[in-house]
């Protein structure tokens, strides 16, 4: 599950960066850019905490 979350989180991060570059180059409209960045933001904020969560050792307090 953690590997899947990491892949989806990275895809979300890519979706927040790449559309901005395409808008800068003039290859993408602002509306489409905003839609892709919103999807990327949701993916990143949902799956990044899961991907970065550390495993807890059993039998240890704190």
PDB file of N, CA and C in Angstrom:
ATOM      1  N   UNK A   1       0.829  -1.203   0.000  1.00  0.00           N
ATOM      2  CA  UNK A   1       0.000   0.000   0.000  1.00  0.00           C
ATOM      3  C   UNK A   1       0.869   1.262   0.000  1.00  0.00           C
ATOM      4  N   UNK A   2       2.003   1.185   0.725  1.00  0.00           N
ATOM      5  CA  UNK A   2       2.865   2.362   0.819  1.00  0.00           C
ATOM      6  C   UNK A   2       3.506   2.703  -0.525  1.00  0.00           C
ATOM      7  N   UNK A   3       3.897   1.694  -1.280  1.00  0.00           N
ATOM      8  CA  UNK A   3       4.498   1.935  -2.600  1.00  0.00           C
ATOM      9  C   UNK A   3       3.465   2.553  -3.542  1.00  0.00           C
ATOM     10  N   UNK A   4       2.248   2.039  -3.509  1.00  0.00           N
ATOM     11  CA  UNK A   4       1.162   2.593  -4.332  1.00  0.00           C
ATOM     12  C   UNK A   4       0.912   4.053  -3.971  1.00  0.00           C
ATOM     13  N   UNK A   5       0.874   4.342  -2.667  1.00  0.00           N
ATOM     14  CA  UNK A   5       0.649   5.720  -2.215  1.00  0.00           C
ATOM     15  C   UNK A   5       1.785   6.628  -2.663  1.00  0.00           C
ATOM     16  N   UNK A   6       3.008   6.125  -2.636  1.00  0.00           N
ATOM     17  CA  UNK A   6       4.153   6.920  -3.075  1.00  0.00           C
ATOM     18  C   UNK A   6       4.058   7.243  -4.565  1.00  0.00           C
ATOM     19  N   UNK A   7       3.684   6.267  -5.368  1.00  0.00           N
ATOM     20  CA  UNK A   7       3.550   6.484  -6.820  1.00  0.00           C
ATOM     21  C   UNK A   7       2.449   7.497  -7.114  1.00  0.00           C
ATOM     22  N   UNK A   8       1.313   7.361  -6.458  1.00  0.00           N
ATOM     23  CA  UNK A   8       0.196   8.291  -6.689  1.00  0.00           C
ATOM     24  C   UNK A   8       0.544   9.686  -6.181  1.00  0.00           C
ATOM     25  N   UNK A   9       1.237   9.773  -5.054  1.00  0.00           N
ATOM     26  CA  UNK A   9       1.649  11.080  -4.524  1.00  0.00           C
ATOM     27  C   UNK A   9       2.616  11.770  -5.483  1.00  0.00           C
ATOM     28  N   UNK A  10       3.556  11.033  -6.031  1.00  0.00           N
ATOM     29  CA  UNK A  10       4.484  11.615  -6.999  1.00  0.00           C
ATOM     30  C   UNK A  10       3.769  12.044  -8.277  1.00  0.00           C
ATOM     31  N   UNK A  11       2.787  11.258  -8.698  1.00  0.00           N
ATOM     32  CA  UNK A  11       1.997  11.653  -9.865  1.00  0.00           C
ATOM     33  C   UNK A  11       1.246  12.954  -9.574  1.00  0.00           C
ATOM     34  N   UNK A  12       0.718  13.086  -8.374  1.00  0.00           N
ATOM     35  CA  UNK A  12       0.050  14.324  -7.989  1.00  0.00           C
ATOM     36  C   UNK A  12       0.998  15.507  -7.975  1.00  0.00           C
ATOM     37  N   UNK A  13       2.224  15.285  -7.502  1.00  0.00           N
ATOM     38  CA  UNK A  13       3.215  16.361  -7.496  1.00  0.00           C
ATOM     39  C   UNK A  13       3.588  16.768  -8.918  1.00  0.00           C
ATOM     40  N   UNK A  14       3.712  15.807  -9.792  1.00  0.00           N
ATOM     41  CA  UNK A  14       4.002  16.101 -11.199  1.00  0.00           C
ATOM     42  C   UNK A  14       2.862  16.884 -11.827  1.00  0.00           C
ATOM     43  N   UNK A  15       1.613  16.527 -11.463  1.00  0.00           N
ATOM     44  CA  UNK A  15       0.461  17.242 -12.010  1.00  0.00           C
ATOM     45  C   UNK A  15       0.352  18.670 -11.490  1.00  0.00           C
ATOM     46  N   UNK A  16       1.054  19.006 -10.429  1.00  0.00           N
ATOM     47  CA  UNK A  16       1.044  20.387  -9.966  1.00  0.00           C
ATOM     48  C   UNK A  16       2.164  21.217 -10.585  1.00  0.00           C
ATOM     49  N   UNK A  17       3.163  20.568 -11.162  1.00  0.00           N
ATOM     50  CA  UNK A  17       4.301  21.285 -11.732  1.00  0.00           C
ATOM     51  C   UNK A  17       4.224  21.391 -13.258  1.00  0.00           C
ATOM     52  N   UNK A  18       3.963  20.290 -13.918  1.00  0.00           N
ATOM     53  CA  UNK A  18       4.025  20.238 -15.384  1.00  0.00           C
ATOM     54  C   UNK A  18       3.000  21.154 -16.068  1.00  0.00           C
ATOM     55  N   UNK A  19       1.747  21.215 -15.628  1.00  0.00           N
ATOM     56  CA  UNK A  19       0.799  22.114 -16.301  1.00  0.00           C
ATOM     57  C   UNK A  19       1.235  23.575 -16.277  1.00  0.00           C
ATOM     58  N   UNK A  20       1.887  23.993 -15.201  1.00  0.00           N
ATOM     59  CA  UNK A  20       2.363  25.382 -15.137  1.00  0.00           C
ATOM     60  C   UNK A  20       3.397  25.653 -16.227  1.00  0.00           C
ATOM     61  N   UNK A  21       4.240  24.687 -16.492  1.00  0.00           N
ATOM     62  CA  UNK A  21       5.224  24.847 -17.564  1.00  0.00           C
ATOM     63  C   UNK A  21       4.554  24.958 -18.926  1.00  0.00           C
ATOM     64  N   UNK A  22       3.511  24.162 -19.145  1.00  0.00           N
ATOM     65  CA  UNK A  22       2.803  24.220 -20.420  1.00  0.00           C
ATOM     66  C   UNK A  22       2.061  25.542 -20.604  1.00  0.00           C
ATOM     67  N   UNK A  23       1.548  26.103 -19.519  1.00  0.00           N
ATOM     68  CA  UNK A  23       0.903  27.420 -19.609  1.00  0.00           C
ATOM     69  C   UNK A  23       1.954  28.471 -19.933  1.00  0.00           C
ATOM     70  N   UNK A  24       3.107  28.366 -19.316  1.00  0.00           N
ATOM     71  CA  UNK A  24       4.190  29.309 -19.581  1.00  0.00           C
ATOM     72  C   UNK A  24       4.619  29.258 -21.048  1.00  0.00           C
ATOM     73  N   UNK A  25       4.628  28.056 -21.621  1.00  0.00           N
ATOM     74  CA  UNK A  25       5.007  27.899 -23.025  1.00  0.00           C
ATOM     75  C   UNK A  25       3.875  28.251 -23.988  1.00  0.00           C
ATOM     76  N   UNK A  26       2.660  28.411 -23.456  1.00  0.00           N
ATOM     77  CA  UNK A  26       1.521  28.771 -24.285  1.00  0.00           C
ATOM     78  C   UNK A  26       0.827  27.587 -24.924  1.00  0.00           C
ATOM     79  N   UNK A  27       1.100  26.380 -24.429  1.00  0.00           N
ATOM     80  CA  UNK A  27       0.508  25.171 -24.999  1.00  0.00           C
ATOM     81  C   UNK A  27      -0.747  24.699 -24.281  1.00  0.00           C
ATOM     82  N   UNK A  28      -1.111  25.366 -23.172  1.00  0.00           N
ATOM     83  CA  UNK A  28      -2.244  24.912 -22.370  1.00  0.00           C
ATOM     84  C   UNK A  28      -3.029  26.133 -21.902  1.00  0.00           C
ATOM     85  N   UNK A  29      -4.348  26.016 -21.945  1.00  0.00           N
ATOM     86  CA  UNK A  29      -5.183  27.135 -21.478  1.00  0.00           C
ATOM     87  C   UNK A  29      -5.216  27.172 -19.951  1.00  0.00           C
ATOM     88  N   UNK A  30      -5.592  28.325 -19.428  1.00  0.00           N
ATOM     89  CA  UNK A  30      -5.630  28.502 -17.980  1.00  0.00           C
ATOM     90  C   UNK A  30      -6.654  27.580 -17.323  1.00  0.00           C
ATOM     91  N   UNK A  31      -7.803  27.368 -17.944  1.00  0.00           N
ATOM     92  CA  UNK A  31      -8.850  26.528 -17.363  1.00  0.00           C
ATOM     93  C   UNK A  31      -8.388  25.083 -17.231  1.00  0.00           C
ATOM     94  N   UNK A  32      -7.768  24.567 -18.275  1.00  0.00           N
ATOM     95  CA  UNK A  32      -7.281  23.186 -18.242  1.00  0.00           C
ATOM     96  C   UNK A  32      -6.144  23.073 -17.220  1.00  0.00           C
ATOM     97  N   UNK A  33      -5.296  24.074 -17.185  1.00  0.00           N
ATOM     98  CA  UNK A  33      -4.195  24.125 -16.221  1.00  0.00           C
ATOM     99  C   UNK A  33      -4.726  24.065 -14.794  1.00  0.00           C
ATOM    100  N   UNK A  34      -5.734  24.854 -14.495  1.00  0.00           N
ATOM    101  CA  UNK A  34      -6.301  24.890 -13.147  1.00  0.00           C
ATOM    102  C   UNK A  34      -6.923  23.543 -12.778  1.00  0.00           C
ATOM    103  N   UNK A  35      -7.580  22.902 -13.724  1.00  0.00           N
ATOM    104  CA  UNK A  35      -8.204  21.603 -13.467  1.00  0.00           C
ATOM    105  C   UNK A  35      -7.141  20.545 -13.145  1.00  0.00           C
ATOM    106  N   UNK A  36      -6.068  20.480 -13.933  1.00  0.00           N
ATOM    107  CA  UNK A  36      -5.014  19.482 -13.707  1.00  0.00           C
ATOM    108  C   UNK A  36      -4.278  19.748 -12.397  1.00  0.00           C
ATOM    109  N   UNK A  37      -4.059  21.020 -12.087  1.00  0.00           N
ATOM    110  CA  UNK A  37      -3.379  21.340 -10.832  1.00  0.00           C
ATOM    111  C   UNK A  37      -4.257  21.010  -9.624  1.00  0.00           C
ATOM    112  N   UNK A  38      -5.553  21.194  -9.751  1.00  0.00           N
ATOM    113  CA  UNK A  38      -6.461  20.843  -8.653  1.00  0.00           C
ATOM    114  C   UNK A  38      -6.446  19.339  -8.407  1.00  0.00           C
ATOM    115  N   UNK A  39      -6.487  18.560  -9.481  1.00  0.00           N
ATOM    116  CA  UNK A  39      -6.427  17.102  -9.347  1.00  0.00           C
ATOM    117  C   UNK A  39      -5.098  16.688  -8.715  1.00  0.00           C
ATOM    118  N   UNK A  40      -4.003  17.288  -9.168  1.00  0.00           N
ATOM    119  CA  UNK A  40      -2.700  16.984  -8.594  1.00  0.00           C
ATOM    120  C   UNK A  40      -2.608  17.344  -7.129  1.00  0.00           C
ATOM    121  N   UNK A  41      -3.198  18.482  -6.742  1.00  0.00           N
ATOM    122  CA  UNK A  41      -3.190  18.906  -5.354  1.00  0.00           C
ATOM    123  C   UNK A  41      -3.938  17.906  -4.471  1.00  0.00           C
ATOM    124  N   UNK A  42      -5.099  17.464  -4.936  1.00  0.00           N
ATOM    125  CA  UNK A  42      -5.878  16.498  -4.161  1.00  0.00           C
ATOM    126  C   UNK A  42      -5.100  15.200  -3.998  1.00  0.00           C
ATOM    127  N   UNK A  43      -4.514  14.701  -5.096  1.00  0.00           N
ATOM    128  CA  UNK A  43      -3.736  13.465  -5.018  1.00  0.00           C
ATOM    129  C   UNK A  43      -2.565  13.612  -4.054  1.00  0.00           C
ATOM    130  N   UNK A  44      -1.855  14.730  -4.131  1.00  0.00           N
ATOM    131  CA  UNK A  44      -0.696  14.932  -3.271  1.00  0.00           C
ATOM    132  C   UNK A  44      -1.091  14.985  -1.801  1.00  0.00           C
ATOM    133  N   UNK A  45      -2.118  15.778  -1.461  1.00  0.00           N
ATOM    134  CA  UNK A  45      -2.477  15.938  -0.061  1.00  0.00           C
ATOM    135  C   UNK A  45      -3.158  14.714   0.532  1.00  0.00           C
ATOM    136  N   UNK A  46      -3.710  13.848  -0.290  1.00  0.00           N
ATOM    137  CA  UNK A  46      -4.317  12.617   0.226  1.00  0.00           C
ATOM    138  C   UNK A  46      -3.268  11.518   0.385  1.00  0.00           C
ATOM    139  N   UNK A  47      -2.400  11.332  -0.601  1.00  0.00           N
ATOM    140  CA  UNK A  47      -1.512  10.179  -0.611  1.00  0.00           C
ATOM    141  C   UNK A  47      -0.116  10.444  -0.052  1.00  0.00           C
ATOM    142  N   UNK A  48       0.358  11.675   0.000  1.00  0.00           N
ATOM    143  CA  UNK A  48       1.701  11.947   0.532  1.00  0.00           C
ATOM    144  C   UNK A  48       1.834  11.580   2.012  1.00  0.00           C
ATOM    145  N   UNK A  49       0.859  11.904   2.859  1.00  0.00           N
ATOM    146  CA  UNK A  49       1.006  11.486   4.260  1.00  0.00           C
ATOM    147  C   UNK A  49       1.047   9.966   4.425  1.00  0.00           C
ATOM    148  N   UNK A  50       0.316   9.256   3.594  1.00  0.00           N
ATOM    149  CA  UNK A  50       0.333   7.790   3.654  1.00  0.00           C
ATOM    150  C   UNK A  50       1.698   7.277   3.219  1.00  0.00           C
ATOM    151  N   UNK A  51       2.246   7.862   2.165  1.00  0.00           N
ATOM    152  CA  UNK A  51       3.537   7.417   1.643  1.00  0.00           C
ATOM    153  C   UNK A  51       4.678   7.731   2.600  1.00  0.00           C
ATOM    154  N   UNK A  52       4.567   8.806   3.359  1.00  0.00           N
ATOM    155  CA  UNK A  52       5.651   9.222   4.245  1.00  0.00           C
ATOM    156  C   UNK A  52       5.519   8.690   5.662  1.00  0.00           C
ATOM    157  N   UNK A  53       4.446   7.980   5.933  1.00  0.00           N
ATOM    158  CA  UNK A  53       4.212   7.461   7.273  1.00  0.00           C
ATOM    159  C   UNK A  53       5.250   6.392   7.610  1.00  0.00           C
ATOM    160  N   UNK A  54       5.849   6.517   8.778  1.00  0.00           N
ATOM    161  CA  UNK A  54       6.843   5.543   9.217  1.00  0.00           C
ATOM    162  C   UNK A  54       6.144   4.367   9.889  1.00  0.00           C
ATOM    163  N   UNK A  55       6.742   3.201   9.732  1.00  0.00           N
ATOM    164  CA  UNK A  55       6.215   2.029  10.427  1.00  0.00           C
ATOM    165  C   UNK A  55       6.573   2.133  11.901  1.00  0.00           C
ATOM    166  N   UNK A  56       5.609   1.789  12.749  1.00  0.00           N
ATOM    167  CA  UNK A  56       5.859   1.812  14.180  1.00  0.00           C
ATOM    168  C   UNK A  56       6.323   0.436  14.626  1.00  0.00           C
ATOM    169  N   UNK A  57       7.321   0.425  15.498  1.00  0.00           N
ATOM    170  CA  UNK A  57       7.812  -0.837  16.022  1.00  0.00           C
ATOM    171  C   UNK A  57       6.890  -1.320  17.131  1.00  0.00           C
ATOM    172  N   UNK A  58       6.638  -2.611  17.128  1.00  0.00           N
ATOM    173  CA  UNK A  58       5.769  -3.173  18.156  1.00  0.00           C
ATOM    174  C   UNK A  58       6.509  -3.262  19.489  1.00  0.00           C
ATOM    175  N   UNK A  59       5.749  -3.063  20.550  1.00  0.00           N
ATOM    176  CA  UNK A  59       6.308  -3.195  21.881  1.00  0.00           C
ATOM    177  C   UNK A  59       7.047  -1.959  22.371  1.00  0.00           C
ATOM    178  N   UNK A  60       6.959  -0.884  21.647  1.00  0.00           N
ATOM    179  CA  UNK A  60       7.650   0.334  22.044  1.00  0.00           C
ATOM    180  C   UNK A  60       6.622   1.421  22.353  1.00  0.00           C
ATOM    181  N   UNK A  61       6.805   2.108  23.437  1.00  0.00           N
ATOM    182  CA  UNK A  61       5.883   3.178  23.821  1.00  0.00           C
ATOM    183  C   UNK A  61       6.489   4.497  23.386  1.00  0.00           C
ATOM    184  N   UNK A  62       5.637   5.344  22.719  1.00  0.00           N
ATOM    185  CA  UNK A  62       6.079   6.657  22.321  1.00  0.00           C
ATOM    186  C   UNK A  62       6.717   6.602  21.005  1.00  0.00           C
TER     187      UNK A  62
END
